[in-house]
C-alpha atoms as a PDB file:
ATOM      1  CA  MET A   1      -0.056  -0.041  -0.209  1.00  0.00           C
ATOM      2  CA  PHE A   2       2.741   2.717   0.866  1.00  0.00           C
ATOM      3  CA  TRP A   3       4.472   2.210  -2.787  1.00  0.00           C
ATOM      4  CA  ILE A   4       0.864   2.014  -4.206  1.00  0.00           C
ATOM      5  CA  ARG A   5       0.324   5.810  -2.165  1.00  0.00           C
ATOM      6  CA  LEU A   6       3.832   6.848  -3.203  1.00  0.00           C
ATOM      7  CA  ARG A   7       3.393   6.093  -7.146  1.00  0.00           C
ATOM      8  CA  SER A   8       0.164   7.892  -6.934  1.00  0.00           C
ATOM      9  CA  GLY A   9       1.098  10.771  -5.100  1.00  0.00           C
ATOM     10  CA  ILE A  10       4.022  11.327  -7.531  1.00  0.00           C
ATOM     11  CA  LEU A  11       2.042  11.063 -10.620  1.00  0.00           C
ATOM     12  CA  LEU A  12      -0.410  13.626  -8.757  1.00  0.00           C
ATOM     13  CA  LEU A  13       1.997  16.021  -8.071  1.00  0.00           C
ATOM     14  CA  ALA A  14       3.670  15.656 -11.608  1.00  0.00           C
ATOM     15  CA  ALA A  15       0.161  16.407 -13.138  1.00  0.00           C
ATOM     16  CA  ALA A  16      -0.439  19.727 -11.000  1.00  0.00           C
ATOM     17  CA  VAL A  17       2.823  20.622 -11.412  1.00  0.00           C
ATOM     18  CA  ALA A  18       2.280  20.754 -15.034  1.00  0.00           C
ATOM     19  CA  LEU A  19      -1.240  22.304 -14.794  1.00  0.00           C
ATOM     20  CA  LEU A  20       0.137  25.340 -12.915  1.00  0.00           C
ATOM     21  CA  VAL A  21       3.261  26.207 -15.184  1.00  0.00           C
ATOM     22  CA  ILE A  22       1.599  25.953 -18.385  1.00  0.00           C
ATOM     23  CA  GLY A  23      -1.428  27.942 -16.848  1.00  0.00           C
ATOM     24  CA  GLY A  24      -3.941  29.543 -19.018  1.00  0.00           C
ATOM     25  CA  PRO A  25      -6.859  27.364 -20.874  1.00  0.00           C
ATOM     26  CA  VAL A  26      -5.111  24.319 -20.123  1.00  0.00           C
ATOM     27  CA  MET A  27      -4.981  24.605 -16.538  1.00  0.00           C
ATOM     28  CA  THR A  28      -8.670  26.267 -16.503  1.00  0.00           C
ATOM     29  CA  ALA A  29      -9.412  22.903 -18.357  1.00  0.00           C
ATOM     30  CA  GLY A  30      -7.529  20.862 -15.816  1.00  0.00           C
ATOM     31  CA  ILE A  31      -9.355  22.450 -12.736  1.00  0.00           C
ATOM     32  CA  LEU A  32     -12.508  22.382 -14.586  1.00  0.00           C
ATOM     33  CA  ALA A  33     -12.070  18.536 -14.779  1.00  0.00           C
ATOM     34  CA  VAL A  34     -11.232  17.807 -11.171  1.00  0.00           C
ATOM     35  CA  SER A  35     -13.942  19.867 -10.104  1.00  0.00           C
ATOM     36  CA  LEU A  36     -16.371  17.932 -12.114  1.00  0.00           C
ATOM     37  CA  GLN A  37     -15.175  14.903 -10.587  1.00  0.00           C
ATOM     38  CA  GLY A  38     -15.071  16.163  -7.174  1.00  0.00           C
ATOM     39  CA  MET A  39     -18.765  16.827  -7.732  1.00  0.00           C
ATOM     40  CA  TRP A  40     -19.638  13.518  -8.845  1.00  0.00           C
ATOM     41  CA  GLU A  41     -17.611  11.994  -5.787  1.00  0.00           C
ATOM     42  CA  LEU A  42     -19.878  14.352  -3.329  1.00  0.00           C
ATOM     43  CA  TYR A  43     -22.925  14.161  -5.412  1.00  0.00           C
ATOM     44  CA  ARG A  44     -22.531  10.345  -5.369  1.00  0.00           C
ATOM     45  CA  VAL A  45     -22.190  10.114  -1.112  1.00  0.00           C
ATOM     46  CA  LEU A  46     -25.420  12.488  -1.136  1.00  0.00           C
ATOM     47  CA  GLY A  47     -27.302  10.090  -3.369  1.00  0.00           C
ATOM     48  CA  LEU A  48     -27.677  12.659  -6.072  1.00  0.00           C
ATOM     49  CA  ASP A  49     -24.972  11.131  -9.076  1.00  0.00           C
ATOM     50  CA  LYS A  50     -28.449   9.211 -10.169  1.00  0.00           C
ATOM     51  CA  LYS A  51     -30.563  12.169 -10.314  1.00  0.00           C
ATOM     52  CA  ARG A  52     -31.278  14.617 -13.425  1.00  0.00           C
ATOM     53  CA  MET A  53     -30.777  17.761 -11.116  1.00  0.00           C
ATOM     54  CA  SER A  54     -27.301  17.259 -10.776  1.00  0.00           C
ATOM     55  CA  ILE A  55     -26.658  18.042 -14.600  1.00  0.00           C
ATOM     56  CA  VAL A  56     -27.644  21.360 -13.484  1.00  0.00           C
ATOM     57  CA  GLY A  57     -25.088  21.172 -11.078  1.00  0.00           C
ATOM     58  CA  TYR A  58     -22.443  20.154 -13.782  1.00  0.00           C
ATOM     59  CA  CYS A  59     -23.526  22.441 -16.233  1.00  0.00           C
ATOM     60  CA  THR A  60     -23.125  25.302 -14.012  1.00  0.00           C
ATOM     61  CA  ALA A  61     -19.767  24.193 -13.205  1.00  0.00           C
ATOM     62  CA  ALA A  62     -18.891  24.419 -16.796  1.00  0.00           C
ATOM     63  CA  ALA A  63     -20.521  27.862 -17.546  1.00  0.00           C
ATOM     64  CA  TRP A  64     -18.685  28.995 -14.360  1.00  0.00           C
ATOM     65  CA  PHE A  65     -15.301  28.337 -15.817  1.00  0.00           C
ATOM     66  CA  ALA A  66     -16.335  29.287 -19.383  1.00  0.00           C
ATOM     67  CA  ALA A  67     -17.195  32.832 -17.747  1.00  0.00           C
ATOM     68  CA  LEU A  68     -13.469  32.317 -16.009  1.00  0.00           C
ATOM     69  CA  PHE A  69     -11.798  31.179 -19.681  1.00  0.00           C
ATOM     70  CA  THR A  70     -13.154  34.199 -21.579  1.00  0.00           C
ATOM     71  CA  GLY A  71     -11.859  36.799 -18.871  1.00  0.00           C
ATOM     72  CA  ARG A  72     -15.840  37.573 -17.742  1.00  0.00           C
ATOM     73  CA  GLN A  73     -15.365  37.818 -14.198  1.00  0.00           C
ATOM     74  CA  GLU A  74     -18.432  40.166 -14.347  1.00  0.00           C
ATOM     75  CA  LEU A  75     -20.822  36.921 -15.087  1.00  0.00           C
ATOM     76  CA  LEU A  76     -19.436  35.047 -12.014  1.00  0.00           C
ATOM     77  CA  LEU A  77     -22.541  36.470 -10.121  1.00  0.00           C
ATOM     78  CA  PRO A  78     -25.160  36.236 -12.477  1.00  0.00           C
ATOM     79  CA  VAL A  79     -23.891  32.278 -13.025  1.00  0.00           C
ATOM     80  CA  LEU A  80     -24.242  31.985  -9.168  1.00  0.00           C
ATOM     81  CA  VAL A  81     -27.997  33.193  -8.980  1.00  0.00           C
ATOM     82  CA  LEU A  82     -29.475  31.957 -12.105  1.00  0.00           C
ATOM     83  CA  SER A  83     -28.063  28.179 -11.260  1.00  0.00           C
ATOM     84  CA  LEU A  84     -30.115  28.672  -8.349  1.00  0.00           C
ATOM     85  CA  LEU A  85     -33.160  29.679  -9.757  1.00  0.00           C
ATOM     86  CA  VAL A  86     -32.627  26.689 -12.517  1.00  0.00           C
ATOM     87  CA  MET A  87     -32.372  24.394  -9.980  1.00  0.00           C
ATOM     88  CA  MET A  88     -35.388  25.718  -8.172  1.00  0.00           C
ATOM     89  CA  ALA A  89     -37.372  25.522 -11.190  1.00  0.00           C
ATOM     90  CA  VAL A  90     -36.412  21.949 -12.027  1.00  0.00           C
ATOM     91  CA  TYR A  91     -37.240  21.394  -8.132  1.00  0.00           C
ATOM     92  CA  VAL A  92     -40.803  23.381  -8.618  1.00  0.00           C
ATOM     93  CA  ILE A  93     -41.609  21.594 -12.236  1.00  0.00           C
ATOM     94  CA  ALA A  94     -40.535  17.939 -11.144  1.00  0.00           C
ATOM     95  CA  TYR A  95     -42.290  18.270  -7.891  1.00  0.00           C
ATOM     96  CA  PRO A  96     -42.738  16.017  -5.809  1.00  0.00           C
ATOM     97  CA  LYS A  97     -39.294  13.727  -7.467  1.00  0.00           C
ATOM     98  CA  TYR A  98     -36.902  15.645  -5.636  1.00  0.00           C
ATOM     99  CA  ASP A  99     -36.784  17.164  -2.140  1.00  0.00           C
ATOM    100  CA  ALA A 100     -35.247  20.222  -0.299  1.00  0.00           C
ATOM    101  CA  PRO A 101     -31.711  18.868   0.975  1.00  0.00           C
ATOM    102  CA  GLN A 102     -31.375  17.675  -2.417  1.00  0.00           C
ATOM    103  CA  LEU A 103     -32.270  20.669  -4.079  1.00  0.00           C
ATOM    104  CA  MET A 104     -29.420  22.508  -1.529  1.00  0.00           C
ATOM    105  CA  GLY A 105     -27.110  19.617  -1.943  1.00  0.00           C
ATOM    106  CA  VAL A 106     -26.745  20.048  -5.578  1.00  0.00           C
ATOM    107  CA  PHE A 107     -26.123  23.691  -5.489  1.00  0.00           C
ATOM    108  CA  PHE A 108     -24.016  23.091  -2.086  1.00  0.00           C
ATOM    109  CA  GLY A 109     -21.716  20.609  -4.357  1.00  0.00           C
ATOM    110  CA  PHE A 110     -21.137  23.229  -6.902  1.00  0.00           C
ATOM    111  CA  VAL A 111     -19.730  25.938  -4.924  1.00  0.00           C
ATOM    112  CA  TYR A 112     -18.004  23.682  -2.330  1.00  0.00           C
ATOM    113  CA  VAL A 113     -15.949  22.053  -5.018  1.00  0.00           C
ATOM    114  CA  ALA A 114     -16.174  23.827  -8.297  1.00  0.00           C
ATOM    115  CA  VAL A 115     -16.353  27.739  -7.315  1.00  0.00           C
ATOM    116  CA  MET A 116     -13.960  27.222  -4.832  1.00  0.00           C
ATOM    117  CA  LEU A 117     -11.657  25.644  -6.744  1.00  0.00           C
ATOM    118  CA  SER A 118     -11.832  27.999  -9.567  1.00  0.00           C
ATOM    119  CA  TYR A 119      -9.863  30.046  -7.163  1.00  0.00           C
ATOM    120  CA  MET A 120      -6.903  28.007  -8.597  1.00  0.00           C
ATOM    121  CA  VAL A 121      -7.350  29.747 -12.124  1.00  0.00           C
ATOM    122  CA  GLN A 122      -8.139  33.300 -10.596  1.00  0.00           C
ATOM    123  CA  ILE A 123      -4.712  33.295  -8.632  1.00  0.00           C
ATOM    124  CA  ARG A 124      -2.830  31.908 -11.835  1.00  0.00           C
ATOM    125  CA  ALA A 125      -4.382  34.620 -13.426  1.00  0.00           C
ATOM    126  CA  LEU A 126      -3.328  37.591 -11.085  1.00  0.00           C
ATOM    127  CA  GLN A 127       0.483  39.195 -11.412  1.00  0.00           C
ATOM    128  CA  ASN A 128       3.367  37.154 -10.465  1.00  0.00           C
ATOM    129  CA  GLY A 129       0.204  34.500 -10.682  1.00  0.00           C
ATOM    130  CA  ALA A 130       2.625  31.346 -11.888  1.00  0.00           C
ATOM    131  CA  PHE A 131       4.360  31.936  -8.249  1.00  0.00           C
ATOM    132  CA  LEU A 132       1.379  32.849  -6.116  1.00  0.00           C
ATOM    133  CA  VAL A 133      -0.287  29.873  -6.865  1.00  0.00           C
ATOM    134  CA  TRP A 134       1.839  27.655  -5.146  1.00  0.00           C
ATOM    135  CA  LEU A 135       0.802  29.344  -1.785  1.00  0.00           C
ATOM    136  CA  VAL A 136      -2.511  27.048  -1.398  1.00  0.00           C
ATOM    137  CA  PHE A 137      -0.446  23.798  -1.831  1.00  0.00           C
ATOM    138  CA  ILE A 138       2.067  25.324   0.682  1.00  0.00           C
ATOM    139  CA  SER A 139      -0.815  26.222   2.765  1.00  0.00           C
ATOM    140  CA  SER A 140      -2.674  23.303   2.572  1.00  0.00           C
ATOM    141  CA  TRP A 141      -0.279  20.599   1.881  1.00  0.00           C
ATOM    142  CA  GLY A 142       2.556  22.369   3.910  1.00  0.00           C
ATOM    143  CA  CYS A 143       0.340  22.596   6.959  1.00  0.00           C
ATOM    144  CA  ASP A 144      -0.652  18.796   6.567  1.00  0.00           C
ATOM    145  CA  THR A 145       2.731  17.379   6.413  1.00  0.00           C
ATOM    146  CA  CYS A 146       3.820  19.615   9.363  1.00  0.00           C
ATOM    147  CA  ALA A 147       1.188  18.654  11.234  1.00  0.00           C
ATOM    148  CA  TYR A 148       1.172  14.921  10.591  1.00  0.00           C
ATOM    149  CA  CYS A 149       5.194  15.013  11.914  1.00  0.00           C
ATOM    150  CA  VAL A 150       4.632  17.077  15.090  1.00  0.00           C
ATOM    151  CA  GLY A 151       1.591  15.530  15.702  1.00  0.00           C
ATOM    152  CA  MET A 152       3.703  12.129  15.555  1.00  0.00           C
ATOM    153  CA  LEU A 153       6.628  13.501  17.553  1.00  0.00           C
ATOM    154  CA  ILE A 154       4.996  15.276  20.411  1.00  0.00           C
ATOM    155  CA  GLY A 155       1.108  15.127  19.498  1.00  0.00           C
ATOM    156  CA  LYS A 156      -0.469  14.416  23.269  1.00  0.00           C
ATOM    157  CA  HIS A 157      -3.789  16.705  23.463  1.00  0.00           C
ATOM    158  CA  LYS A 158      -6.592  15.618  21.050  1.00  0.00           C
ATOM    159  CA  MET A 159      -8.287  18.661  18.382  1.00  0.00           C
ATOM    160  CA  ALA A 160     -11.267  16.730  17.851  1.00  0.00           C
ATOM    161  CA  PRO A 161     -11.297  13.330  19.441  1.00  0.00           C
ATOM    162  CA  VAL A 162     -14.435  12.370  18.077  1.00  0.00           C
ATOM    163  CA  LEU A 163     -14.568  13.770  14.789  1.00  0.00           C
ATOM    164  CA  SER A 164     -10.348  12.938  14.035  1.00  0.00           C
ATOM    165  CA  PRO A 165      -8.795  11.194  16.525  1.00  0.00           C
ATOM    166  CA  LYS A 166      -5.281  11.606  15.408  1.00  0.00           C
ATOM    167  CA  LYS A 167      -5.062  14.528  15.293  1.00  0.00           C
ATOM    168  CA  SER A 168      -3.902  16.896  17.994  1.00  0.00           C
ATOM    169  CA  VAL A 169      -3.489  20.116  19.317  1.00  0.00           C
ATOM    170  CA  GLU A 170       0.363  20.072  18.919  1.00  0.00           C
ATOM    171  CA  GLY A 171       0.153  18.901  15.636  1.00  0.00           C
ATOM    172  CA  ALA A 172      -2.133  21.755  14.401  1.00  0.00           C
ATOM    173  CA  VAL A 173       0.348  24.525  15.761  1.00  0.00           C
ATOM    174  CA  GLY A 174       3.099  22.598  14.575  1.00  0.00           C
ATOM    175  CA  GLY A 175       1.134  22.688  11.129  1.00  0.00           C
ATOM    176  CA  VAL A 176       0.247  26.399  11.157  1.00  0.00           C
ATOM    177  CA  VAL A 177       3.902  27.454  12.172  1.00  0.00           C
ATOM    178  CA  GLY A 178       5.612  25.043   9.570  1.00  0.00           C
ATOM    179  CA  ALA A 179       3.346  26.292   6.657  1.00  0.00           C
ATOM    180  CA  ALA A 180       4.488  29.879   7.454  1.00  0.00           C
ATOM    181  CA  LEU A 181       8.389  28.769   7.579  1.00  0.00           C
ATOM    182  CA  ILE A 182       7.878  27.105   4.315  1.00  0.00           C
ATOM    183  CA  GLY A 183       6.216  30.495   3.081  1.00  0.00           C
ATOM    184  CA  VAL A 184       9.242  32.325   4.128  1.00  0.00           C
ATOM    185  CA  ILE A 185      11.468  29.830   2.979  1.00  0.00           C
ATOM    186  CA  TYR A 186       9.450  29.889  -0.523  1.00  0.00           C
ATOM    187  CA  ALA A 187       9.271  33.909  -0.337  1.00  0.00           C
ATOM    188  CA  LEU A 188      13.313  33.751   0.169  1.00  0.00           C
ATOM    189  CA  ALA A 189      13.782  31.913  -2.699  1.00  0.00           C
ATOM    190  CA  PHE A 190      11.540  33.798  -5.194  1.00  0.00           C
ATOM    191  CA  ARG A 191      11.397  36.771  -3.769  1.00  0.00           C
ATOM    192  CA  ASN A 192      12.584  38.389  -7.013  1.00  0.00           C
ATOM    193  CA  HIS A 193       9.255  36.932  -8.451  1.00  0.00           C
ATOM    194  CA  LEU A 194       7.318  38.180  -5.769  1.00  0.00           C
ATOM    195  CA  THR A 195       6.929  41.795  -6.939  1.00  0.00           C
ATOM    196  CA  VAL A 196       3.523  42.472  -5.781  1.00  0.00           C
ATOM    197  CA  PHE A 197       4.194  42.184  -2.041  1.00  0.00           C
ATOM    198  CA  ARG A 198       6.038  45.267  -0.545  1.00  0.00           C
ATOM    199  CA  ASN A 199       7.613  42.584   1.953  1.00  0.00           C
ATOM    200  CA  PRO A 200       7.281  39.135   0.472  1.00  0.00           C
ATOM    201  CA  MET A 201       8.386  37.456   3.502  1.00  0.00           C
ATOM    202  CA  PHE A 202       6.439  38.769   5.944  1.00  0.00           C
ATOM    203  CA  SER A 203       2.976  38.315   3.202  1.00  0.00           C
ATOM    204  CA  LEU A 204       3.884  34.849   2.828  1.00  0.00           C
ATOM    205  CA  ALA A 205       4.315  33.908   6.410  1.00  0.00           C
ATOM    206  CA  VAL A 206       0.737  35.388   6.950  1.00  0.00           C
ATOM    207  CA  ILE A 207      -0.769  33.497   3.953  1.00  0.00           C
ATOM    208  CA  GLY A 208       1.206  30.120   5.124  1.00  0.00           C
ATOM    209  CA  ALA A 209       0.040  30.871   8.712  1.00  0.00           C
ATOM    210  CA  PHE A 210      -3.889  31.545   8.304  1.00  0.00           C
ATOM    211  CA  GLY A 211      -4.255  29.539   4.899  1.00  0.00           C
ATOM    212  CA  GLY A 212      -2.383  26.286   7.002  1.00  0.00           C
ATOM    213  CA  LEU A 213      -5.059  27.081   9.772  1.00  0.00           C
ATOM    214  CA  ILE A 214      -8.135  27.323   7.729  1.00  0.00           C
ATOM    215  CA  SER A 215      -6.647  23.912   5.788  1.00  0.00           C
ATOM    216  CA  MET A 216      -7.688  21.766   8.817  1.00  0.00           C
ATOM    217  CA  VAL A 217     -11.334  23.270   8.742  1.00  0.00           C
ATOM    218  CA  GLY A 218     -11.621  21.959   5.346  1.00  0.00           C
ATOM    219  CA  ASP A 219      -9.831  18.804   6.100  1.00  0.00           C
ATOM    220  CA  LEU A 220     -12.127  18.299   9.084  1.00  0.00           C
ATOM    221  CA  THR A 221     -15.425  19.547   6.742  1.00  0.00           C
ATOM    222  CA  ALA A 222     -14.725  16.671   4.653  1.00  0.00           C
ATOM    223  CA  SER A 223     -13.949  13.814   7.383  1.00  0.00           C
ATOM    224  CA  ALA A 224     -17.512  15.001   8.738  1.00  0.00           C
ATOM    225  CA  ILE A 225     -19.151  14.326   5.727  1.00  0.00           C
ATOM    226  CA  LYS A 226     -17.562  11.126   5.376  1.00  0.00           C
ATOM    227  CA  ARG A 227     -18.977  10.258   8.398  1.00  0.00           C
ATOM    228  CA  ASN A 228     -22.128  11.121   8.240  1.00  0.00           C
ATOM    229  CA  TYR A 229     -22.301   9.109   5.562  1.00  0.00           C
ATOM    230  CA  GLY A 230     -21.071   5.703   6.927  1.00  0.00           C
ATOM    231  CA  ILE A 231     -17.889   5.984   3.926  1.00  0.00           C
ATOM    232  CA  LYS A 232     -13.744   5.678   4.135  1.00  0.00           C
ATOM    233  CA  ASP A 233     -13.073   7.608   1.399  1.00  0.00           C
ATOM    234  CA  TYR A 234     -15.069   9.455  -1.690  1.00  0.00           C
ATOM    235  CA  GLY A 235     -13.688   7.599  -4.334  1.00  0.00           C
ATOM    236  CA  THR A 236     -10.925   5.351  -5.803  1.00  0.00           C
ATOM    237  CA  LEU A 237      -9.466   7.347  -8.781  1.00  0.00           C
ATOM    238  CA  ILE A 238      -6.327   7.711  -7.199  1.00  0.00           C
ATOM    239  CA  PRO A 239      -4.894   4.301  -5.830  1.00  0.00           C
ATOM    240  CA  GLY A 240      -3.685   4.785  -1.994  1.00  0.00           C
ATOM    241  CA  HIS A 241      -5.110   8.281  -1.305  1.00  0.00           C
ATOM    242  CA  GLY A 242      -8.896   7.364  -2.247  1.00  0.00           C
ATOM    243  CA  GLY A 243     -10.936  10.222  -4.693  1.00  0.00           C
ATOM    244  CA  ILE A 244     -10.400  13.621  -5.686  1.00  0.00           C
ATOM    245  CA  LEU A 245     -12.036  14.850  -2.650  1.00  0.00           C
ATOM    246  CA  ASP A 246     -10.022  12.910  -0.285  1.00  0.00           C
ATOM    247  CA  ARG A 247      -7.078  14.564  -1.942  1.00  0.00           C
ATOM    248  CA  PHE A 248      -8.160  18.077  -2.718  1.00  0.00           C
ATOM    249  CA  ASP A 249     -10.329  18.675   0.766  1.00  0.00           C
ATOM    250  CA  SER A 250      -7.743  20.836   2.382  1.00  0.00           C
ATOM    251  CA  VAL A 251      -6.708  22.859  -1.092  1.00  0.00           C
ATOM    252  CA  ILE A 252     -10.495  23.368  -1.680  1.00  0.00           C
ATOM    253  CA  ILE A 253     -11.048  25.794   1.432  1.00  0.00           C
ATOM    254  CA  THR A 254      -7.579  26.899   1.081  1.00  0.00           C
ATOM    255  CA  ALA A 255      -7.857  28.433  -2.571  1.00  0.00           C
ATOM    256  CA  PRO A 256      -9.956  31.318  -2.029  1.00  0.00           C
ATOM    257  CA  LEU A 257      -8.420  32.058   1.482  1.00  0.00           C
ATOM    258  CA  VAL A 258      -4.822  32.464  -0.403  1.00  0.00           C
ATOM    259  CA  TYR A 259      -6.778  34.706  -3.171  1.00  0.00           C
ATOM    260  CA  TYR A 260      -7.860  37.156  -0.903  1.00  0.00           C
ATOM    261  CA  LEU A 261      -5.401  37.484   1.323  1.00  0.00           C
ATOM    262  CA  VAL A 262      -3.276  37.948  -1.543  1.00  0.00           C
ATOM    263  CA  LEU A 263      -5.163  40.513  -3.078  1.00  0.00           C
ATOM    264  CA  LEU A 264      -5.200  42.559   0.753  1.00  0.00           C
ATOM    265  CA  LEU A 265      -1.131  42.044   1.161  1.00  0.00           C
ATOM    266  CA  MET A 266      -0.842  43.603  -2.450  1.00  0.00           C
ATOM    267  CA  THR A 267      -2.152  46.578  -1.064  1.00  0.00           C
ATOM    268  CA  GLY A 268       1.065  47.390   0.745  1.00  0.00           C
ATOM    269  CA  ILE A 269       0.506  45.991   4.051  1.00  0.00           C
END
């Protein structure tokens, strides 16, 4: 299992690196594909994968990314509102085929997976975006790795004993501090490519710390959903890791925060 997990992890990392480096339409299409797979995994858990209303969710995700692809960000809010209106229309017209929780589940899946992941594309489109986009992974995967190491070494106090018994307070602190330090190291290595910040080391330390903190919320949220529905993994797409949501649960919630922190810190704070 270790070697399967390692091989899958290397291939996944290579694919992520390729998408982020290439950027543009290729990255947009790649993140859309990841989003659709993640939505399907969530819809399957919620029992919505075979419901026609889920098609509205997939189409809405495609429309959302089409707006990003064409640079029409002003269309994003209309897409969000119209998607809800269409789902409500389907709910009413087909009544009583669907119930309210299914309606809310389809809309939640679109926002939780597609909208949140789309911030990767939006970060990549910013000035210095080719270097800023890596902050999402520094915050999420960096925090996760540091939290695991610190937790294994000195973890004693359980952070969420019912939801995730293996996670400790010490590990959480270590993860946040570790993500901040990785951010500083990244800033030192690429400071000439981070010209949007007045003080790259300070800015990336802040982004790493807050991004790492919120990434744990994303991880625990995904775990809570799985526990609610009595499943171990969201899927089997990535051998040894599970599904897209199992591997990107922290990235999903970290990407929007990193985007807005970058915009805030670009002002010169």
